Amino acid sequence: SGSRMEFSGCVFRGCQFIDCQMDNFSFTDC
């Protein structure tokens, strides 16, 4: 559980997000 986080220039492969609370997240160039 978290908020207001930005991932920039990241790669996610085969990842599992289970019961996550991610308000106001940002993904740029991902």
ModelCIF file with pLDDT and N, C-alpha, C, O atoms, coordinates in Angstrom:
data_MODEL
#
_entry.id   MODEL 
#
_entity.id                         1 
_entity.type                       polymer 
_entity.pdbx_number_of_molecules   1 
#
_entity_poly.entity_id                      1 
_entity_poly.type                           'polypeptide(L)' 
_entity_poly.nstd_linkage                   no 
_entity_poly.nstd_monomer                   no 
_entity_poly.pdbx_seq_one_letter_code       SGSRMEFSGCVFRGCQFIDCQMDNFSFTDC 
_entity_poly.pdbx_seq_one_letter_code_can   SGSRMEFSGCVFRGCQFIDCQMDNFSFTDC 
_entity_poly.pdbx_strand_id                 A 
#
loop_
_entity_poly_seq.entity_id 
_entity_poly_seq.num 
_entity_poly_seq.mon_id 
_entity_poly_seq.hetero 
1 1  SER n 
1 2  GLY n 
1 3  SER n 
1 4  ARG n 
1 5  MET n 
1 6  GLU n 
1 7  PHE n 
1 8  SER n 
1 9  GLY n 
1 10 CYS n 
1 11 VAL n 
1 12 PHE n 
1 13 ARG n 
1 14 GLY n 
1 15 CYS n 
1 16 GLN n 
1 17 PHE n 
1 18 ILE n 
1 19 ASP n 
1 20 CYS n 
1 21 GLN n 
1 22 MET n 
1 23 ASP n 
1 24 ASN n 
1 25 PHE n 
1 26 SER n 
1 27 PHE n 
1 28 THR n 
1 29 ASP n 
1 30 CYS n 
#
_struct_asym.id          A 
_struct_asym.entity_id   1 
#
loop_
_ma_qa_metric.id 
_ma_qa_metric.mode 
_ma_qa_metric.name 
_ma_qa_metric.software_group_id 
_ma_qa_metric.type 
1 global pLDDT . pLDDT 
2 local  pLDDT . pLDDT 
#
_ma_qa_metric_global.metric_id      1 
_ma_qa_metric_global.metric_value   96.00 
_ma_qa_metric_global.model_id       1 
_ma_qa_metric_global.ordinal_id     1 
#
loop_
_ma_qa_metric_local.label_asym_id 
_ma_qa_metric_local.label_comp_id 
_ma_qa_metric_local.label_seq_id 
_ma_qa_metric_local.metric_id 
_ma_qa_metric_local.metric_value 
_ma_qa_metric_local.model_id 
_ma_qa_metric_local.ordinal_id 
A SER 1  2 94.00 1 1  
A GLY 2  2 92.00 1 2  
A SER 3  2 92.00 1 3  
A ARG 4  2 92.00 1 4  
A MET 5  2 95.00 1 5  
A GLU 6  2 96.00 1 6  
A PHE 7  2 96.00 1 7  
A SER 8  2 96.00 1 8  
A GLY 9  2 96.00 1 9  
A CYS 10 2 96.00 1 10 
A VAL 11 2 97.00 1 11 
A PHE 12 2 97.00 1 12 
A ARG 13 2 97.00 1 13 
A GLY 14 2 98.00 1 14 
A CYS 15 2 97.00 1 15 
A GLN 16 2 97.00 1 16 
A PHE 17 2 97.00 1 17 
A ILE 18 2 97.00 1 18 
A ASP 19 2 96.00 1 19 
A CYS 20 2 97.00 1 20 
A GLN 21 2 96.00 1 21 
A MET 22 2 96.00 1 22 
A ASP 23 2 95.00 1 23 
A ASN 24 2 95.00 1 24 
A PHE 25 2 97.00 1 25 
A SER 26 2 97.00 1 26 
A PHE 27 2 98.00 1 27 
A THR 28 2 97.00 1 28 
A ASP 29 2 97.00 1 29 
A CYS 30 2 97.00 1 30 
#
loop_
_atom_site.group_PDB 
_atom_site.id 
_atom_site.type_symbol 
_atom_site.label_atom_id 
_atom_site.label_alt_id 
_atom_site.label_comp_id 
_atom_site.label_asym_id 
_atom_site.label_entity_id 
_atom_site.label_seq_id 
_atom_site.pdbx_PDB_ins_code 
_atom_site.Cartn_x 
_atom_site.Cartn_y 
_atom_site.Cartn_z 
_atom_site.occupancy 
_atom_site.B_iso_or_equiv 
_atom_site.pdbx_formal_charge 
_atom_site.auth_seq_id 
_atom_site.auth_comp_id 
_atom_site.auth_asym_id 
_atom_site.auth_atom_id 
_atom_site.pdbx_PDB_model_num 
ATOM 1   N N  . SER A 1 1  ? 0.850  -1.186  0.000   1.00 94.00 ? 1  SER A N  1 
ATOM 2   C CA . SER A 1 1  ? 0.000  0.000   0.000   1.00 94.00 ? 1  SER A CA 1 
ATOM 3   C C  . SER A 1 1  ? 0.889  1.239   0.000   1.00 94.00 ? 1  SER A C  1 
ATOM 4   O O  . SER A 1 1  ? 1.699  1.438   0.906   1.00 94.00 ? 1  SER A O  1 
ATOM 5   N N  . GLY A 1 2  ? 0.727  2.064   -1.022  1.00 92.00 ? 2  GLY A N  1 
ATOM 6   C CA . GLY A 1 2  ? 1.523  3.276   -1.117  1.00 92.00 ? 2  GLY A CA 1 
ATOM 7   C C  . GLY A 1 2  ? 0.931  4.208   -2.145  1.00 92.00 ? 2  GLY A C  1 
ATOM 8   O O  . GLY A 1 2  ? -0.025 3.852   -2.834  1.00 92.00 ? 2  GLY A O  1 
ATOM 9   N N  . SER A 1 3  ? 1.486  5.395   -2.255  1.00 92.00 ? 3  SER A N  1 
ATOM 10  C CA . SER A 1 3  ? 0.966  6.376   -3.206  1.00 92.00 ? 3  SER A CA 1 
ATOM 11  C C  . SER A 1 3  ? 2.084  7.300   -3.664  1.00 92.00 ? 3  SER A C  1 
ATOM 12  O O  . SER A 1 3  ? 3.144  7.400   -3.047  1.00 92.00 ? 3  SER A O  1 
ATOM 13  N N  . ARG A 1 4  ? 1.793  7.982   -4.797  1.00 92.00 ? 4  ARG A N  1 
ATOM 14  C CA . ARG A 1 4  ? 2.670  9.023   -5.325  1.00 92.00 ? 4  ARG A CA 1 
ATOM 15  C C  . ARG A 1 4  ? 4.106  8.537   -5.543  1.00 92.00 ? 4  ARG A C  1 
ATOM 16  O O  . ARG A 1 4  ? 5.060  9.087   -4.995  1.00 92.00 ? 4  ARG A O  1 
ATOM 17  N N  . MET A 1 5  ? 4.225  7.494   -6.357  1.00 95.00 ? 5  MET A N  1 
ATOM 18  C CA . MET A 1 5  ? 5.538  6.983   -6.730  1.00 95.00 ? 5  MET A CA 1 
ATOM 19  C C  . MET A 1 5  ? 5.618  6.916   -8.250  1.00 95.00 ? 5  MET A C  1 
ATOM 20  O O  . MET A 1 5  ? 4.649  6.534   -8.905  1.00 95.00 ? 5  MET A O  1 
ATOM 21  N N  . GLU A 1 6  ? 6.760  7.283   -8.812  1.00 96.00 ? 6  GLU A N  1 
ATOM 22  C CA . GLU A 1 6  ? 6.942  7.248   -10.262 1.00 96.00 ? 6  GLU A CA 1 
ATOM 23  C C  . GLU A 1 6  ? 8.032  6.256   -10.636 1.00 96.00 ? 6  GLU A C  1 
ATOM 24  O O  . GLU A 1 6  ? 9.127  6.261   -10.072 1.00 96.00 ? 6  GLU A O  1 
ATOM 25  N N  . PHE A 1 7  ? 7.700  5.401   -11.609 1.00 96.00 ? 7  PHE A N  1 
ATOM 26  C CA . PHE A 1 7  ? 8.695  4.547   -12.242 1.00 96.00 ? 7  PHE A CA 1 
ATOM 27  C C  . PHE A 1 7  ? 9.051  5.172   -13.581 1.00 96.00 ? 7  PHE A C  1 
ATOM 28  O O  . PHE A 1 7  ? 8.169  5.444   -14.396 1.00 96.00 ? 7  PHE A O  1 
ATOM 29  N N  . SER A 1 8  ? 10.328 5.401   -13.812 1.00 96.00 ? 8  SER A N  1 
ATOM 30  C CA . SER A 1 8  ? 10.776 6.044   -15.042 1.00 96.00 ? 8  SER A CA 1 
ATOM 31  C C  . SER A 1 8  ? 11.845 5.182   -15.706 1.00 96.00 ? 8  SER A C  1 
ATOM 32  O O  . SER A 1 8  ? 12.849 4.841   -15.082 1.00 96.00 ? 8  SER A O  1 
ATOM 33  N N  . GLY A 1 9  ? 11.625 4.831   -16.979 1.00 96.00 ? 9  GLY A N  1 
ATOM 34  C CA . GLY A 1 9  ? 12.600 4.033   -17.707 1.00 96.00 ? 9  GLY A CA 1 
ATOM 35  C C  . GLY A 1 9  ? 12.782 2.638   -17.137 1.00 96.00 ? 9  GLY A C  1 
ATOM 36  O O  . GLY A 1 9  ? 13.887 2.095   -17.165 1.00 96.00 ? 9  GLY A O  1 
ATOM 37  N N  . CYS A 1 10 ? 11.700 2.049   -16.616 1.00 96.00 ? 10 CYS A N  1 
ATOM 38  C CA . CYS A 1 10 ? 11.780 0.734   -15.973 1.00 96.00 ? 10 CYS A CA 1 
ATOM 39  C C  . CYS A 1 10 ? 11.113 -0.341  -16.839 1.00 96.00 ? 10 CYS A C  1 
ATOM 40  O O  . CYS A 1 10 ? 10.245 -0.051  -17.662 1.00 96.00 ? 10 CYS A O  1 
ATOM 41  N N  . VAL A 1 11 ? 11.545 -1.589  -16.629 1.00 97.00 ? 11 VAL A N  1 
ATOM 42  C CA . VAL A 1 11 ? 10.981 -2.740  -17.325 1.00 97.00 ? 11 VAL A CA 1 
ATOM 43  C C  . VAL A 1 11 ? 10.505 -3.753  -16.287 1.00 97.00 ? 11 VAL A C  1 
ATOM 44  O O  . VAL A 1 11 ? 11.230 -4.092  -15.351 1.00 97.00 ? 11 VAL A O  1 
ATOM 45  N N  . PHE A 1 12 ? 9.272  -4.230  -16.470 1.00 97.00 ? 12 PHE A N  1 
ATOM 46  C CA . PHE A 1 12 ? 8.689  -5.242  -15.600 1.00 97.00 ? 12 PHE A CA 1 
ATOM 47  C C  . PHE A 1 12 ? 8.374  -6.465  -16.456 1.00 97.00 ? 12 PHE A C  1 
ATOM 48  O O  . PHE A 1 12 ? 7.619  -6.368  -17.424 1.00 97.00 ? 12 PHE A O  1 
ATOM 49  N N  . ARG A 1 13 ? 8.947  -7.609  -16.107 1.00 97.00 ? 13 ARG A N  1 
ATOM 50  C CA . ARG A 1 13 ? 8.696  -8.837  -16.861 1.00 97.00 ? 13 ARG A CA 1 
ATOM 51  C C  . ARG A 1 13 ? 8.245  -9.951  -15.907 1.00 97.00 ? 13 ARG A C  1 
ATOM 52  O O  . ARG A 1 13 ? 8.951  -10.302 -14.962 1.00 97.00 ? 13 ARG A O  1 
ATOM 53  N N  . GLY A 1 14 ? 7.066  -10.490 -16.175 1.00 98.00 ? 14 GLY A N  1 
ATOM 54  C CA . GLY A 1 14 ? 6.576  -11.621 -15.398 1.00 98.00 ? 14 GLY A CA 1 
ATOM 55  C C  . GLY A 1 14 ? 6.354  -11.310 -13.930 1.00 98.00 ? 14 GLY A C  1 
ATOM 56  O O  . GLY A 1 14 ? 6.501  -12.192 -13.083 1.00 98.00 ? 14 GLY A O  1 
ATOM 57  N N  . CYS A 1 15 ? 6.003  -10.071 -13.615 1.00 97.00 ? 15 CYS A N  1 
ATOM 58  C CA . CYS A 1 15 ? 5.804  -9.685  -12.213 1.00 97.00 ? 15 CYS A CA 1 
ATOM 59  C C  . CYS A 1 15 ? 4.343  -9.862  -11.793 1.00 97.00 ? 15 CYS A C  1 
ATOM 60  O O  . CYS A 1 15 ? 3.427  -9.695  -12.597 1.00 97.00 ? 15 CYS A O  1 
ATOM 61  N N  . GLN A 1 16 ? 4.145  -10.205 -10.508 1.00 97.00 ? 16 GLN A N  1 
ATOM 62  C CA . GLN A 1 16 ? 2.811  -10.401 -9.946  1.00 97.00 ? 16 GLN A CA 1 
ATOM 63  C C  . GLN A 1 16 ? 2.556  -9.322  -8.889  1.00 97.00 ? 16 GLN A C  1 
ATOM 64  O O  . GLN A 1 16 ? 3.334  -9.149  -7.952  1.00 97.00 ? 16 GLN A O  1 
ATOM 65  N N  . PHE A 1 17 ? 1.450  -8.607  -9.067  1.00 97.00 ? 17 PHE A N  1 
ATOM 66  C CA . PHE A 1 17 ? 1.028  -7.614  -8.085  1.00 97.00 ? 17 PHE A CA 1 
ATOM 67  C C  . PHE A 1 17 ? -0.266 -8.139  -7.463  1.00 97.00 ? 17 PHE A C  1 
ATOM 68  O O  . PHE A 1 17 ? -1.288 -8.238  -8.142  1.00 97.00 ? 17 PHE A O  1 
ATOM 69  N N  . ILE A 1 18 ? -0.221 -8.473  -6.185  1.00 97.00 ? 18 ILE A N  1 
ATOM 70  C CA . ILE A 1 18 ? -1.351 -9.132  -5.533  1.00 97.00 ? 18 ILE A CA 1 
ATOM 71  C C  . ILE A 1 18 ? -1.896 -8.229  -4.428  1.00 97.00 ? 18 ILE A C  1 
ATOM 72  O O  . ILE A 1 18 ? -1.181 -7.866  -3.494  1.00 97.00 ? 18 ILE A O  1 
ATOM 73  N N  . ASP A 1 19 ? -3.178 -7.875  -4.552  1.00 96.00 ? 19 ASP A N  1 
ATOM 74  C CA . ASP A 1 19 ? -3.873 -7.086  -3.533  1.00 96.00 ? 19 ASP A CA 1 
ATOM 75  C C  . ASP A 1 19 ? -3.079 -5.831  -3.165  1.00 96.00 ? 19 ASP A C  1 
ATOM 76  O O  . ASP A 1 19 ? -2.877 -5.535  -1.987  1.00 96.00 ? 19 ASP A O  1 
ATOM 77  N N  . CYS A 1 20 ? -2.636 -5.106  -4.182  1.00 97.00 ? 20 CYS A N  1 
ATOM 78  C CA . CYS A 1 20 ? -1.845 -3.889  -3.956  1.00 97.00 ? 20 CYS A CA 1 
ATOM 79  C C  . CYS A 1 20 ? -2.704 -2.637  -4.099  1.00 97.00 ? 20 CYS A C  1 
ATOM 80  O O  . CYS A 1 20 ? -3.602 -2.577  -4.939  1.00 97.00 ? 20 CYS A O  1 
ATOM 81  N N  . GLN A 1 21 ? -2.417 -1.640  -3.267  1.00 96.00 ? 21 GLN A N  1 
ATOM 82  C CA . GLN A 1 21 ? -3.074 -0.338  -3.305  1.00 96.00 ? 21 GLN A CA 1 
ATOM 83  C C  . GLN A 1 21 ? -2.035 0.692   -3.716  1.00 96.00 ? 21 GLN A C  1 
ATOM 84  O O  . GLN A 1 21 ? -1.163 1.061   -2.928  1.00 96.00 ? 21 GLN A O  1 
ATOM 85  N N  . MET A 1 22 ? -2.136 1.156   -4.967  1.00 96.00 ? 22 MET A N  1 
ATOM 86  C CA . MET A 1 22 ? -1.096 2.040   -5.501  1.00 96.00 ? 22 MET A CA 1 
ATOM 87  C C  . MET A 1 22 ? -1.743 3.271   -6.125  1.00 96.00 ? 22 MET A C  1 
ATOM 88  O O  . MET A 1 22 ? -1.738 3.425   -7.346  1.00 96.00 ? 22 MET A O  1 
ATOM 89  N N  . ASP A 1 23 ? -2.289 4.133   -5.306  1.00 95.00 ? 23 ASP A N  1 
ATOM 90  C CA . ASP A 1 23 ? -2.922 5.365   -5.773  1.00 95.00 ? 23 ASP A CA 1 
ATOM 91  C C  . ASP A 1 23 ? -1.866 6.349   -6.270  1.00 95.00 ? 23 ASP A C  1 
ATOM 92  O O  . ASP A 1 23 ? -0.763 6.431   -5.729  1.00 95.00 ? 23 ASP A O  1 
ATOM 93  N N  . ASN A 1 24 ? -2.232 7.094   -7.313  1.00 95.00 ? 24 ASN A N  1 
ATOM 94  C CA . ASN A 1 24 ? -1.377 8.169   -7.820  1.00 95.00 ? 24 ASN A CA 1 
ATOM 95  C C  . ASN A 1 24 ? 0.009  7.689   -8.236  1.00 95.00 ? 24 ASN A C  1 
ATOM 96  O O  . ASN A 1 24 ? 0.986  8.426   -8.104  1.00 95.00 ? 24 ASN A O  1 
ATOM 97  N N  . PHE A 1 25 ? 0.099  6.475   -8.730  1.00 97.00 ? 25 PHE A N  1 
ATOM 98  C CA . PHE A 1 25 ? 1.374  5.997   -9.263  1.00 97.00 ? 25 PHE A CA 1 
ATOM 99  C C  . PHE A 1 25 ? 1.545  6.508   -10.689 1.00 97.00 ? 25 PHE A C  1 
ATOM 100 O O  . PHE A 1 25 ? 0.571  6.809   -11.379 1.00 97.00 ? 25 PHE A O  1 
ATOM 101 N N  . SER A 1 26 ? 2.776  6.598   -11.106 1.00 97.00 ? 26 SER A N  1 
ATOM 102 C CA . SER A 1 26 ? 3.082  7.105   -12.442 1.00 97.00 ? 26 SER A CA 1 
ATOM 103 C C  . SER A 1 26 ? 4.120  6.202   -13.105 1.00 97.00 ? 26 SER A C  1 
ATOM 104 O O  . SER A 1 26 ? 5.094  5.791   -12.475 1.00 97.00 ? 26 SER A O  1 
ATOM 105 N N  . PHE A 1 27 ? 3.898  5.897   -14.392 1.00 98.00 ? 27 PHE A N  1 
ATOM 106 C CA . PHE A 1 27 ? 4.854  5.127   -15.190 1.00 98.00 ? 27 PHE A CA 1 
ATOM 107 C C  . PHE A 1 27 ? 5.206  5.940   -16.423 1.00 98.00 ? 27 PHE A C  1 
ATOM 108 O O  . PHE A 1 27 ? 4.329  6.282   -17.216 1.00 98.00 ? 27 PHE A O  1 
ATOM 109 N N  . THR A 1 28 ? 6.476  6.249   -16.587 1.00 97.00 ? 28 THR A N  1 
ATOM 110 C CA . THR A 1 28 ? 6.958  7.012   -17.737 1.00 97.00 ? 28 THR A CA 1 
ATOM 111 C C  . THR A 1 28 ? 8.068  6.230   -18.427 1.00 97.00 ? 28 THR A C  1 
ATOM 112 O O  . THR A 1 28 ? 9.017  5.784   -17.782 1.00 97.00 ? 28 THR A O  1 
ATOM 113 N N  . ASP A 1 29 ? 7.943  6.067   -19.749 1.00 97.00 ? 29 ASP A N  1 
ATOM 114 C CA . ASP A 1 29 ? 8.945  5.329   -20.526 1.00 97.00 ? 29 ASP A CA 1 
ATOM 115 C C  . ASP A 1 29 ? 9.185  3.939   -19.921 1.00 97.00 ? 29 ASP A C  1 
ATOM 116 O O  . ASP A 1 29 ? 10.317 3.563   -19.615 1.00 97.00 ? 29 ASP A O  1 
ATOM 117 N N  . CYS A 1 30 ? 8.091  3.191   -19.760 1.00 97.00 ? 30 CYS A N  1 
ATOM 118 C CA . CYS A 1 30 ? 8.175  1.872   -19.127 1.00 97.00 ? 30 CYS A CA 1 
ATOM 119 C C  . CYS A 1 30 ? 7.590  0.791   -20.027 1.00 97.00 ? 30 CYS A C  1 
ATOM 120 O O  . CYS A 1 30 ? 7.577  -0.382  -19.655 1.00 97.00 ? 30 CYS A O  1 
#
